[in-house]
């Protein structure tokens, strides 16, 4: 039967992909932290600019930094390829990139300890900054009960390997369905904090400003904070020389309840996106420039030679 043949063929493809994935991770672990990271950086620094994704990177940089000279944007694009490649390769050795291992310094750990000791759930947020997996390792090291959300891999065998690799340093991964609000609320009711990356493209939801351009952003963090009276605890990570990192727990964001729920959520969503923007402006090389963050209308404006699309009149 055609359906069964298709299922068997797909399963075989998935298994072969998982075998390759496992072999690659094993090879990188044999190389060690520095050489694995260096190899990943070299590969994407060499190959990344030759792919179609380079166009996305340059368009994103034009949107975010319209006044930056083109030559400077090209240098920035090359450096972000190096750092993105390092991040991918470092996934194989993440159990060695922890505070206990000496490669991660933490600023503001007392904030995470205060959340842990309070017994109250919090909403931890960040973006795809440097090796963003390092932040999860810091959360686990703090002792704060927390579920770290992620997007499940399409290949179930690869997904299982990813989950197993995170378990080496205590990460409990959670892949929500849809927008995940129901599952996340259940976790917070149990007293678990939730960790979210808030800078992915989102086709629905409130429209806020990001680098002075409109984006649709997930309202999940603000909704959960408002419902549970929880603080939003922003985290960031920067890459340091020698495959080292600094993770910072910043001043908490509080979603103020005014009685206008929609306006309160919008203000919270804008605040978390402003936080990510500020961190990207500080170290732009560390951000994940390879994904299309803005809506089509913003990219279309670039084709027209316009540096300023229709800007939001809401919170900024």
C-alpha atoms as a PDB file:
ATOM      1  CA  UNK A   1       0.000   0.000   0.000  1.00  0.00           C
ATOM      2  CA  UNK A   2       1.345   3.459  -0.933  1.00  0.00           C
ATOM      3  CA  UNK A   3       0.721   4.880   2.523  1.00  0.00           C
ATOM      4  CA  UNK A   4       2.644   2.139   4.298  1.00  0.00           C
ATOM      5  CA  UNK A   5       5.534   2.312   1.817  1.00  0.00           C
ATOM      6  CA  UNK A   6       5.749   6.062   2.392  1.00  0.00           C
ATOM      7  CA  UNK A   7       5.744   5.606   6.164  1.00  0.00           C
ATOM      8  CA  UNK A   8       8.506   2.974   6.002  1.00  0.00           C
ATOM      9  CA  UNK A   9      10.600   5.143   3.684  1.00  0.00           C
ATOM     10  CA  UNK A  10      10.167   8.190   5.935  1.00  0.00           C
ATOM     11  CA  UNK A  11      11.090   6.159   9.012  1.00  0.00           C
ATOM     12  CA  UNK A  12      14.236   4.912   7.263  1.00  0.00           C
ATOM     13  CA  UNK A  13      15.213   8.467   6.294  1.00  0.00           C
ATOM     14  CA  UNK A  14      14.677   9.623   9.878  1.00  0.00           C
ATOM     15  CA  UNK A  15      16.808   6.798  11.244  1.00  0.00           C
ATOM     16  CA  UNK A  16      19.633   7.549   8.804  1.00  0.00           C
ATOM     17  CA  UNK A  17      19.489  11.237   9.717  1.00  0.00           C
ATOM     18  CA  UNK A  18      19.598  10.360  13.414  1.00  0.00           C
ATOM     19  CA  UNK A  19      22.596   8.090  12.827  1.00  0.00           C
ATOM     20  CA  UNK A  20      24.433  10.928  11.081  1.00  0.00           C
ATOM     21  CA  UNK A  21      23.456  13.342  13.831  1.00  0.00           C
ATOM     22  CA  UNK A  22      24.739  10.983  16.519  1.00  0.00           C
ATOM     23  CA  UNK A  23      27.982  10.344  14.631  1.00  0.00           C
ATOM     24  CA  UNK A  24      28.587  14.080  14.202  1.00  0.00           C
ATOM     25  CA  UNK A  25      27.975  14.773  17.885  1.00  0.00           C
ATOM     26  CA  UNK A  26      30.303  11.928  18.844  1.00  0.00           C
ATOM     27  CA  UNK A  27      33.030  13.331  16.605  1.00  0.00           C
ATOM     28  CA  UNK A  28      32.651  16.833  18.036  1.00  0.00           C
ATOM     29  CA  UNK A  29      32.827  15.505  21.588  1.00  0.00           C
ATOM     30  CA  UNK A  30      36.075  13.739  20.737  1.00  0.00           C
ATOM     31  CA  UNK A  31      37.506  17.020  19.455  1.00  0.00           C
ATOM     32  CA  UNK A  32      36.892  18.778  22.774  1.00  0.00           C
ATOM     33  CA  UNK A  33      35.340  22.160  23.475  1.00  0.00           C
ATOM     34  CA  UNK A  34      37.843  24.523  21.811  1.00  0.00           C
ATOM     35  CA  UNK A  35      38.410  22.512  18.653  1.00  0.00           C
ATOM     36  CA  UNK A  36      34.725  21.642  18.211  1.00  0.00           C
ATOM     37  CA  UNK A  37      33.730  25.291  18.599  1.00  0.00           C
ATOM     38  CA  UNK A  38      36.509  26.415  16.273  1.00  0.00           C
ATOM     39  CA  UNK A  39      35.515  23.891  13.614  1.00  0.00           C
ATOM     40  CA  UNK A  40      31.892  24.974  13.714  1.00  0.00           C
ATOM     41  CA  UNK A  41      32.894  28.619  13.441  1.00  0.00           C
ATOM     42  CA  UNK A  42      35.227  27.969  10.517  1.00  0.00           C
ATOM     43  CA  UNK A  43      32.647  25.916   8.618  1.00  0.00           C
ATOM     44  CA  UNK A  44      29.870  28.502   8.748  1.00  0.00           C
ATOM     45  CA  UNK A  45      32.239  31.436   8.298  1.00  0.00           C
ATOM     46  CA  UNK A  46      33.397  29.711   5.094  1.00  0.00           C
ATOM     47  CA  UNK A  47      30.118  28.285   3.802  1.00  0.00           C
ATOM     48  CA  UNK A  48      27.446  30.579   5.285  1.00  0.00           C
ATOM     49  CA  UNK A  49      28.110  33.612   3.036  1.00  0.00           C
ATOM     50  CA  UNK A  50      27.766  31.337  -0.019  1.00  0.00           C
ATOM     51  CA  UNK A  51      24.259  30.167   0.891  1.00  0.00           C
ATOM     52  CA  UNK A  52      20.922  31.785   0.113  1.00  0.00           C
ATOM     53  CA  UNK A  53      20.561  32.601   3.806  1.00  0.00           C
ATOM     54  CA  UNK A  54      23.253  35.287   3.414  1.00  0.00           C
ATOM     55  CA  UNK A  55      20.626  37.402   1.661  1.00  0.00           C
ATOM     56  CA  UNK A  56      18.368  37.128   4.718  1.00  0.00           C
ATOM     57  CA  UNK A  57      21.248  38.099   7.021  1.00  0.00           C
ATOM     58  CA  UNK A  58      22.080  41.208   4.981  1.00  0.00           C
ATOM     59  CA  UNK A  59      18.440  42.254   4.699  1.00  0.00           C
ATOM     60  CA  UNK A  60      18.003  41.881   8.451  1.00  0.00           C
ATOM     61  CA  UNK A  61      21.080  43.996   9.074  1.00  0.00           C
ATOM     62  CA  UNK A  62      19.784  46.691   6.710  1.00  0.00           C
ATOM     63  CA  UNK A  63      16.501  46.786   8.618  1.00  0.00           C
ATOM     64  CA  UNK A  64      18.135  46.915  12.042  1.00  0.00           C
ATOM     65  CA  UNK A  65      21.020  49.231  11.164  1.00  0.00           C
ATOM     66  CA  UNK A  66      19.931  51.365   8.192  1.00  0.00           C
ATOM     67  CA  UNK A  67      22.659  53.944   8.808  1.00  0.00           C
ATOM     68  CA  UNK A  68      25.508  51.435   9.073  1.00  0.00           C
ATOM     69  CA  UNK A  69      27.910  51.464   6.083  1.00  0.00           C
ATOM     70  CA  UNK A  70      27.473  48.425   3.833  1.00  0.00           C
ATOM     71  CA  UNK A  71      31.078  47.329   4.332  1.00  0.00           C
ATOM     72  CA  UNK A  72      30.564  47.315   8.088  1.00  0.00           C
ATOM     73  CA  UNK A  73      27.407  45.243   7.697  1.00  0.00           C
ATOM     74  CA  UNK A  74      29.348  42.700   5.621  1.00  0.00           C
ATOM     75  CA  UNK A  75      31.984  42.371   8.355  1.00  0.00           C
ATOM     76  CA  UNK A  76      29.237  41.964  10.939  1.00  0.00           C
ATOM     77  CA  UNK A  77      27.534  39.300   8.806  1.00  0.00           C
ATOM     78  CA  UNK A  78      30.751  37.300   8.541  1.00  0.00           C
ATOM     79  CA  UNK A  79      31.340  37.428  12.294  1.00  0.00           C
ATOM     80  CA  UNK A  80      27.775  36.332  13.054  1.00  0.00           C
ATOM     81  CA  UNK A  81      28.281  33.309  10.769  1.00  0.00           C
ATOM     82  CA  UNK A  82      31.358  32.372  12.806  1.00  0.00           C
ATOM     83  CA  UNK A  83      29.484  32.656  16.092  1.00  0.00           C
ATOM     84  CA  UNK A  84      26.415  30.838  14.793  1.00  0.00           C
ATOM     85  CA  UNK A  85      28.624  27.971  13.630  1.00  0.00           C
ATOM     86  CA  UNK A  86      30.299  27.832  17.016  1.00  0.00           C
ATOM     87  CA  UNK A  87      26.930  27.664  18.754  1.00  0.00           C
ATOM     88  CA  UNK A  88      25.761  24.727  16.643  1.00  0.00           C
ATOM     89  CA  UNK A  89      28.994  22.799  17.214  1.00  0.00           C
ATOM     90  CA  UNK A  90      28.917  23.538  20.949  1.00  0.00           C
ATOM     91  CA  UNK A  91      25.566  21.775  21.279  1.00  0.00           C
ATOM     92  CA  UNK A  92      27.549  18.518  21.307  1.00  0.00           C
ATOM     93  CA  UNK A  93      29.557  19.593  24.373  1.00  0.00           C
ATOM     94  CA  UNK A  94      26.975  21.580  26.302  1.00  0.00           C
ATOM     95  CA  UNK A  95      27.476  19.496  29.439  1.00  0.00           C
ATOM     96  CA  UNK A  96      30.969  21.055  29.577  1.00  0.00           C
ATOM     97  CA  UNK A  97      29.714  24.628  29.211  1.00  0.00           C
ATOM     98  CA  UNK A  98      28.335  25.154  32.695  1.00  0.00           C
ATOM     99  CA  UNK A  99      29.109  27.392  35.677  1.00  0.00           C
ATOM    100  CA  UNK A 100      30.568  24.353  37.461  1.00  0.00           C
ATOM    101  CA  UNK A 101      32.887  23.711  34.517  1.00  0.00           C
ATOM    102  CA  UNK A 102      34.451  27.163  34.807  1.00  0.00           C
ATOM    103  CA  UNK A 103      33.468  28.392  31.350  1.00  0.00           C
ATOM    104  CA  UNK A 104      30.402  30.373  32.402  1.00  0.00           C
ATOM    105  CA  UNK A 105      30.386  33.369  34.710  1.00  0.00           C
ATOM    106  CA  UNK A 106      27.086  34.596  36.093  1.00  0.00           C
ATOM    107  CA  UNK A 107      26.091  38.135  36.973  1.00  0.00           C
ATOM    108  CA  UNK A 108      22.996  38.453  39.135  1.00  0.00           C
ATOM    109  CA  UNK A 109      22.731  34.841  40.277  1.00  0.00           C
ATOM    110  CA  UNK A 110      21.218  36.212  43.483  1.00  0.00           C
ATOM    111  CA  UNK A 111      18.108  37.133  41.467  1.00  0.00           C
ATOM    112  CA  UNK A 112      17.621  33.518  40.423  1.00  0.00           C
ATOM    113  CA  UNK A 113      18.264  32.357  43.973  1.00  0.00           C
ATOM    114  CA  UNK A 114      15.646  34.810  45.252  1.00  0.00           C
ATOM    115  CA  UNK A 115      13.106  33.391  42.802  1.00  0.00           C
ATOM    116  CA  UNK A 116      14.043  29.863  43.883  1.00  0.00           C
ATOM    117  CA  UNK A 117      13.671  30.686  47.566  1.00  0.00           C
ATOM    118  CA  UNK A 118      10.351  32.498  47.064  1.00  0.00           C
ATOM    119  CA  UNK A 119       8.687  29.296  45.859  1.00  0.00           C
ATOM    120  CA  UNK A 120       6.765  31.354  43.302  1.00  0.00           C
ATOM    121  CA  UNK A 121       6.747  30.681  39.572  1.00  0.00           C
ATOM    122  CA  UNK A 122       8.393  33.259  37.316  1.00  0.00           C
ATOM    123  CA  UNK A 123       8.622  33.793  33.581  1.00  0.00           C
ATOM    124  CA  UNK A 124      12.247  33.783  32.402  1.00  0.00           C
ATOM    125  CA  UNK A 125      12.791  35.320  28.961  1.00  0.00           C
ATOM    126  CA  UNK A 126      15.623  35.895  26.543  1.00  0.00           C
ATOM    127  CA  UNK A 127      16.472  35.756  22.847  1.00  0.00           C
ATOM    128  CA  UNK A 128      18.750  33.792  20.537  1.00  0.00           C
ATOM    129  CA  UNK A 129      21.865  35.468  21.903  1.00  0.00           C
ATOM    130  CA  UNK A 130      25.356  33.922  21.618  1.00  0.00           C
ATOM    131  CA  UNK A 131      25.051  30.289  22.757  1.00  0.00           C
ATOM    132  CA  UNK A 132      21.580  30.645  24.222  1.00  0.00           C
ATOM    133  CA  UNK A 133      21.716  27.065  25.553  1.00  0.00           C
ATOM    134  CA  UNK A 134      24.171  28.283  28.188  1.00  0.00           C
ATOM    135  CA  UNK A 135      21.370  30.214  29.881  1.00  0.00           C
ATOM    136  CA  UNK A 136      19.461  26.973  30.476  1.00  0.00           C
ATOM    137  CA  UNK A 137      22.554  25.501  32.152  1.00  0.00           C
ATOM    138  CA  UNK A 138      22.692  28.527  34.471  1.00  0.00           C
ATOM    139  CA  UNK A 139      19.007  28.186  35.346  1.00  0.00           C
ATOM    140  CA  UNK A 140      19.575  24.554  36.294  1.00  0.00           C
ATOM    141  CA  UNK A 141      22.670  25.470  38.326  1.00  0.00           C
ATOM    142  CA  UNK A 142      20.618  28.036  40.285  1.00  0.00           C
ATOM    143  CA  UNK A 143      18.274  25.324  41.565  1.00  0.00           C
ATOM    144  CA  UNK A 144      15.210  27.123  40.242  1.00  0.00           C
ATOM    145  CA  UNK A 145      12.522  24.605  39.185  1.00  0.00           C
ATOM    146  CA  UNK A 146      11.998  25.493  35.559  1.00  0.00           C
ATOM    147  CA  UNK A 147      10.712  24.112  32.290  1.00  0.00           C
ATOM    148  CA  UNK A 148      12.679  25.208  29.241  1.00  0.00           C
ATOM    149  CA  UNK A 149      10.542  25.417  26.120  1.00  0.00           C
ATOM    150  CA  UNK A 150      11.863  24.437  22.716  1.00  0.00           C
ATOM    151  CA  UNK A 151      10.587  23.621  19.246  1.00  0.00           C
ATOM    152  CA  UNK A 152      10.636  19.868  18.733  1.00  0.00           C
ATOM    153  CA  UNK A 153      12.676  18.576  15.790  1.00  0.00           C
ATOM    154  CA  UNK A 154      10.659  17.177  12.885  1.00  0.00           C
ATOM    155  CA  UNK A 155      12.683  13.957  13.095  1.00  0.00           C
ATOM    156  CA  UNK A 156      11.493  12.149  16.254  1.00  0.00           C
ATOM    157  CA  UNK A 157      14.745  10.165  16.577  1.00  0.00           C
ATOM    158  CA  UNK A 158      16.852  13.326  16.360  1.00  0.00           C
ATOM    159  CA  UNK A 159      14.479  14.984  18.828  1.00  0.00           C
ATOM    160  CA  UNK A 160      15.044  12.131  21.298  1.00  0.00           C
ATOM    161  CA  UNK A 161      18.825  12.539  20.943  1.00  0.00           C
ATOM    162  CA  UNK A 162      18.538  16.275  21.577  1.00  0.00           C
ATOM    163  CA  UNK A 163      16.532  15.663  24.726  1.00  0.00           C
ATOM    164  CA  UNK A 164      19.030  13.059  25.938  1.00  0.00           C
ATOM    165  CA  UNK A 165      21.954  15.424  25.394  1.00  0.00           C
ATOM    166  CA  UNK A 166      20.219  18.136  27.464  1.00  0.00           C
ATOM    167  CA  UNK A 167      19.548  15.667  30.251  1.00  0.00           C
ATOM    168  CA  UNK A 168      23.308  15.418  30.807  1.00  0.00           C
ATOM    169  CA  UNK A 169      23.133  18.754  32.615  1.00  0.00           C
ATOM    170  CA  UNK A 170      19.625  18.546  34.056  1.00  0.00           C
ATOM    171  CA  UNK A 171      17.518  20.317  31.442  1.00  0.00           C
ATOM    172  CA  UNK A 172      13.845  19.395  31.300  1.00  0.00           C
ATOM    173  CA  UNK A 173      12.795  20.296  27.767  1.00  0.00           C
ATOM    174  CA  UNK A 174       9.173  21.030  27.032  1.00  0.00           C
ATOM    175  CA  UNK A 175       7.745  21.326  23.508  1.00  0.00           C
ATOM    176  CA  UNK A 176       4.359  23.076  23.716  1.00  0.00           C
ATOM    177  CA  UNK A 177       1.684  22.485  21.091  1.00  0.00           C
ATOM    178  CA  UNK A 178       0.265  25.506  19.265  1.00  0.00           C
ATOM    179  CA  UNK A 179       1.066  28.604  21.295  1.00  0.00           C
ATOM    180  CA  UNK A 180       1.497  26.344  24.323  1.00  0.00           C
ATOM    181  CA  UNK A 181      -0.396  28.571  26.723  1.00  0.00           C
ATOM    182  CA  UNK A 182      -2.452  25.787  28.306  1.00  0.00           C
ATOM    183  CA  UNK A 183       0.568  23.561  28.972  1.00  0.00           C
ATOM    184  CA  UNK A 184       2.637  26.451  30.286  1.00  0.00           C
ATOM    185  CA  UNK A 185      -0.134  27.500  32.654  1.00  0.00           C
ATOM    186  CA  UNK A 186      -0.319  23.965  34.024  1.00  0.00           C
ATOM    187  CA  UNK A 187       3.413  24.082  34.735  1.00  0.00           C
ATOM    188  CA  UNK A 188       3.173  27.404  36.538  1.00  0.00           C
ATOM    189  CA  UNK A 189       0.267  26.146  38.633  1.00  0.00           C
ATOM    190  CA  UNK A 190       2.627  23.424  39.863  1.00  0.00           C
ATOM    191  CA  UNK A 191       5.100  26.124  40.873  1.00  0.00           C
ATOM    192  CA  UNK A 192       7.500  25.638  37.968  1.00  0.00           C
ATOM    193  CA  UNK A 193       9.001  28.697  36.356  1.00  0.00           C
ATOM    194  CA  UNK A 194       8.993  28.840  32.568  1.00  0.00           C
ATOM    195  CA  UNK A 195      11.881  29.832  30.272  1.00  0.00           C
ATOM    196  CA  UNK A 196      10.975  31.285  26.872  1.00  0.00           C
ATOM    197  CA  UNK A 197      12.885  32.636  23.892  1.00  0.00           C
ATOM    198  CA  UNK A 198      10.771  35.564  22.737  1.00  0.00           C
ATOM    199  CA  UNK A 199      12.452  36.679  19.500  1.00  0.00           C
ATOM    200  CA  UNK A 200      11.136  34.114  17.012  1.00  0.00           C
ATOM    201  CA  UNK A 201       8.926  35.176  14.121  1.00  0.00           C
ATOM    202  CA  UNK A 202       5.282  35.058  15.151  1.00  0.00           C
ATOM    203  CA  UNK A 203       2.592  35.418  12.501  1.00  0.00           C
ATOM    204  CA  UNK A 204      -0.169  36.407  14.898  1.00  0.00           C
ATOM    205  CA  UNK A 205      -0.369  38.222  18.192  1.00  0.00           C
ATOM    206  CA  UNK A 206       0.123  41.848  19.139  1.00  0.00           C
ATOM    207  CA  UNK A 207       2.137  44.137  16.919  1.00  0.00           C
ATOM    208  CA  UNK A 208       5.009  45.920  18.667  1.00  0.00           C
ATOM    209  CA  UNK A 209       8.153  47.741  17.611  1.00  0.00           C
ATOM    210  CA  UNK A 210      11.477  45.957  17.124  1.00  0.00           C
ATOM    211  CA  UNK A 211      14.342  48.087  15.822  1.00  0.00           C
ATOM    212  CA  UNK A 212      11.729  50.757  15.033  1.00  0.00           C
ATOM    213  CA  UNK A 213       9.837  48.402  12.725  1.00  0.00           C
ATOM    214  CA  UNK A 214       6.554  46.546  13.349  1.00  0.00           C
ATOM    215  CA  UNK A 215       6.653  42.868  14.303  1.00  0.00           C
ATOM    216  CA  UNK A 216       4.052  40.439  15.547  1.00  0.00           C
ATOM    217  CA  UNK A 217       5.238  38.979  18.820  1.00  0.00           C
ATOM    218  CA  UNK A 218       4.144  36.136  21.048  1.00  0.00           C
ATOM    219  CA  UNK A 219       2.063  37.394  23.993  1.00  0.00           C
ATOM    220  CA  UNK A 220       2.763  34.255  26.052  1.00  0.00           C
ATOM    221  CA  UNK A 221       5.266  35.721  28.521  1.00  0.00           C
ATOM    222  CA  UNK A 222       3.128  38.770  29.298  1.00  0.00           C
ATOM    223  CA  UNK A 223      -0.077  36.742  29.552  1.00  0.00           C
ATOM    224  CA  UNK A 224       1.422  34.253  31.981  1.00  0.00           C
ATOM    225  CA  UNK A 225       3.044  36.964  34.095  1.00  0.00           C
ATOM    226  CA  UNK A 226      -0.246  38.835  34.306  1.00  0.00           C
ATOM    227  CA  UNK A 227      -2.336  35.776  35.122  1.00  0.00           C
ATOM    228  CA  UNK A 228      -0.051  34.481  37.876  1.00  0.00           C
ATOM    229  CA  UNK A 229       1.153  37.818  39.201  1.00  0.00           C
ATOM    230  CA  UNK A 230       4.659  36.688  38.282  1.00  0.00           C
ATOM    231  CA  UNK A 231       7.687  38.740  37.445  1.00  0.00           C
ATOM    232  CA  UNK A 232       9.363  38.456  34.064  1.00  0.00           C
ATOM    233  CA  UNK A 233      13.044  37.737  34.669  1.00  0.00           C
ATOM    234  CA  UNK A 234      15.164  38.686  31.641  1.00  0.00           C
ATOM    235  CA  UNK A 235      18.412  36.813  30.989  1.00  0.00           C
ATOM    236  CA  UNK A 236      21.155  37.441  28.471  1.00  0.00           C
ATOM    237  CA  UNK A 237      24.379  35.736  27.435  1.00  0.00           C
ATOM    238  CA  UNK A 238      27.441  37.110  25.658  1.00  0.00           C
ATOM    239  CA  UNK A 239      30.282  35.169  24.137  1.00  0.00           C
ATOM    240  CA  UNK A 240      33.732  35.743  25.658  1.00  0.00           C
ATOM    241  CA  UNK A 241      37.149  34.727  24.280  1.00  0.00           C
ATOM    242  CA  UNK A 242      38.250  31.130  24.759  1.00  0.00           C
ATOM    243  CA  UNK A 243      34.774  29.540  24.435  1.00  0.00           C
ATOM    244  CA  UNK A 244      33.593  31.216  27.606  1.00  0.00           C
ATOM    245  CA  UNK A 245      30.355  33.038  28.347  1.00  0.00           C
ATOM    246  CA  UNK A 246      28.821  35.597  30.669  1.00  0.00           C
ATOM    247  CA  UNK A 247      25.173  35.160  31.638  1.00  0.00           C
ATOM    248  CA  UNK A 248      23.394  38.090  33.263  1.00  0.00           C
ATOM    249  CA  UNK A 249      20.115  38.087  35.177  1.00  0.00           C
ATOM    250  CA  UNK A 250      18.820  41.619  34.593  1.00  0.00           C
ATOM    251  CA  UNK A 251      16.362  43.806  36.470  1.00  0.00           C
ATOM    252  CA  UNK A 252      12.958  42.064  36.439  1.00  0.00           C
ATOM    253  CA  UNK A 253      10.153  43.316  34.215  1.00  0.00           C
ATOM    254  CA  UNK A 254       6.794  43.698  35.913  1.00  0.00           C
ATOM    255  CA  UNK A 255       3.589  43.714  33.901  1.00  0.00           C
ATOM    256  CA  UNK A 256       1.402  46.318  35.553  1.00  0.00           C
ATOM    257  CA  UNK A 257      -2.299  45.447  35.834  1.00  0.00           C
ATOM    258  CA  UNK A 258      -4.398  48.534  35.028  1.00  0.00           C
ATOM    259  CA  UNK A 259      -7.732  46.864  34.318  1.00  0.00           C
ATOM    260  CA  UNK A 260      -7.227  47.032  30.548  1.00  0.00           C
ATOM    261  CA  UNK A 261      -5.962  43.498  29.940  1.00  0.00           C
ATOM    262  CA  UNK A 262      -5.174  43.921  26.242  1.00  0.00           C
ATOM    263  CA  UNK A 263      -3.215  47.107  26.860  1.00  0.00           C
ATOM    264  CA  UNK A 264      -1.355  45.526  29.775  1.00  0.00           C
ATOM    265  CA  UNK A 265      -0.344  42.531  27.667  1.00  0.00           C
ATOM    266  CA  UNK A 266       0.745  44.793  24.820  1.00  0.00           C
ATOM    267  CA  UNK A 267       2.929  46.817  27.198  1.00  0.00           C
ATOM    268  CA  UNK A 268       4.489  43.600  28.532  1.00  0.00           C
ATOM    269  CA  UNK A 269       5.171  42.244  25.037  1.00  0.00           C
ATOM    270  CA  UNK A 270       6.780  45.517  24.044  1.00  0.00           C
ATOM    271  CA  UNK A 271       8.955  45.491  27.156  1.00  0.00           C
ATOM    272  CA  UNK A 272      10.363  42.019  26.502  1.00  0.00           C
ATOM    273  CA  UNK A 273      11.041  42.823  22.833  1.00  0.00           C
ATOM    274  CA  UNK A 274      12.729  46.070  23.830  1.00  0.00           C
ATOM    275  CA  UNK A 275      14.929  44.068  26.195  1.00  0.00           C
ATOM    276  CA  UNK A 276      16.039  41.756  23.369  1.00  0.00           C
ATOM    277  CA  UNK A 277      16.646  44.703  21.049  1.00  0.00           C
ATOM    278  CA  UNK A 278      18.840  46.415  23.640  1.00  0.00           C
ATOM    279  CA  UNK A 279      20.948  43.265  24.051  1.00  0.00           C
ATOM    280  CA  UNK A 280      21.305  42.857  20.277  1.00  0.00           C
ATOM    281  CA  UNK A 281      22.435  46.464  19.918  1.00  0.00           C
ATOM    282  CA  UNK A 282      25.084  45.863  22.589  1.00  0.00           C
ATOM    283  CA  UNK A 283      26.626  42.820  20.847  1.00  0.00           C
ATOM    284  CA  UNK A 284      25.041  42.430  17.388  1.00  0.00           C
ATOM    285  CA  UNK A 285      27.500  39.683  16.381  1.00  0.00           C
ATOM    286  CA  UNK A 286      25.926  37.391  18.972  1.00  0.00           C
ATOM    287  CA  UNK A 287      22.369  37.439  17.618  1.00  0.00           C
ATOM    288  CA  UNK A 288      20.784  34.831  15.338  1.00  0.00           C
ATOM    289  CA  UNK A 289      20.500  36.983  12.203  1.00  0.00           C
ATOM    290  CA  UNK A 290      19.750  34.048   9.902  1.00  0.00           C
ATOM    291  CA  UNK A 291      15.991  33.924  10.546  1.00  0.00           C
ATOM    292  CA  UNK A 292      13.341  36.256   9.108  1.00  0.00           C
ATOM    293  CA  UNK A 293      12.192  38.156  12.172  1.00  0.00           C
ATOM    294  CA  UNK A 294      10.155  40.900  10.486  1.00  0.00           C
ATOM    295  CA  UNK A 295       6.901  40.586   8.504  1.00  0.00           C
ATOM    296  CA  UNK A 296       6.870  40.567   4.713  1.00  0.00           C
ATOM    297  CA  UNK A 297       5.843  44.227   4.493  1.00  0.00           C
ATOM    298  CA  UNK A 298       9.095  45.308   6.145  1.00  0.00           C
ATOM    299  CA  UNK A 299      11.199  43.252   3.726  1.00  0.00           C
ATOM    300  CA  UNK A 300       9.125  44.528   0.803  1.00  0.00           C
ATOM    301  CA  UNK A 301       9.965  48.091   1.813  1.00  0.00           C
ATOM    302  CA  UNK A 302      13.659  47.293   1.336  1.00  0.00           C
ATOM    303  CA  UNK A 303      13.006  46.391  -2.311  1.00  0.00           C
ATOM    304  CA  UNK A 304      11.407  49.795  -2.771  1.00  0.00           C
ATOM    305  CA  UNK A 305      14.526  51.416  -1.353  1.00  0.00           C
ATOM    306  CA  UNK A 306      12.644  52.673   1.650  1.00  0.00           C
ATOM    307  CA  UNK A 307      14.479  52.502   4.988  1.00  0.00           C
ATOM    308  CA  UNK A 308      11.383  53.454   6.971  1.00  0.00           C
ATOM    309  CA  UNK A 309       8.270  51.322   6.773  1.00  0.00           C
ATOM    310  CA  UNK A 310       5.018  52.124   8.490  1.00  0.00           C
ATOM    311  CA  UNK A 311       6.026  52.539  12.119  1.00  0.00           C
ATOM    312  CA  UNK A 312       3.952  51.635  15.115  1.00  0.00           C
ATOM    313  CA  UNK A 313       2.215  54.359  16.984  1.00  0.00           C
ATOM    314  CA  UNK A 314       1.878  52.180  20.081  1.00  0.00           C
ATOM    315  CA  UNK A 315       4.391  51.549  22.897  1.00  0.00           C
ATOM    316  CA  UNK A 316       8.044  52.113  22.051  1.00  0.00           C
END
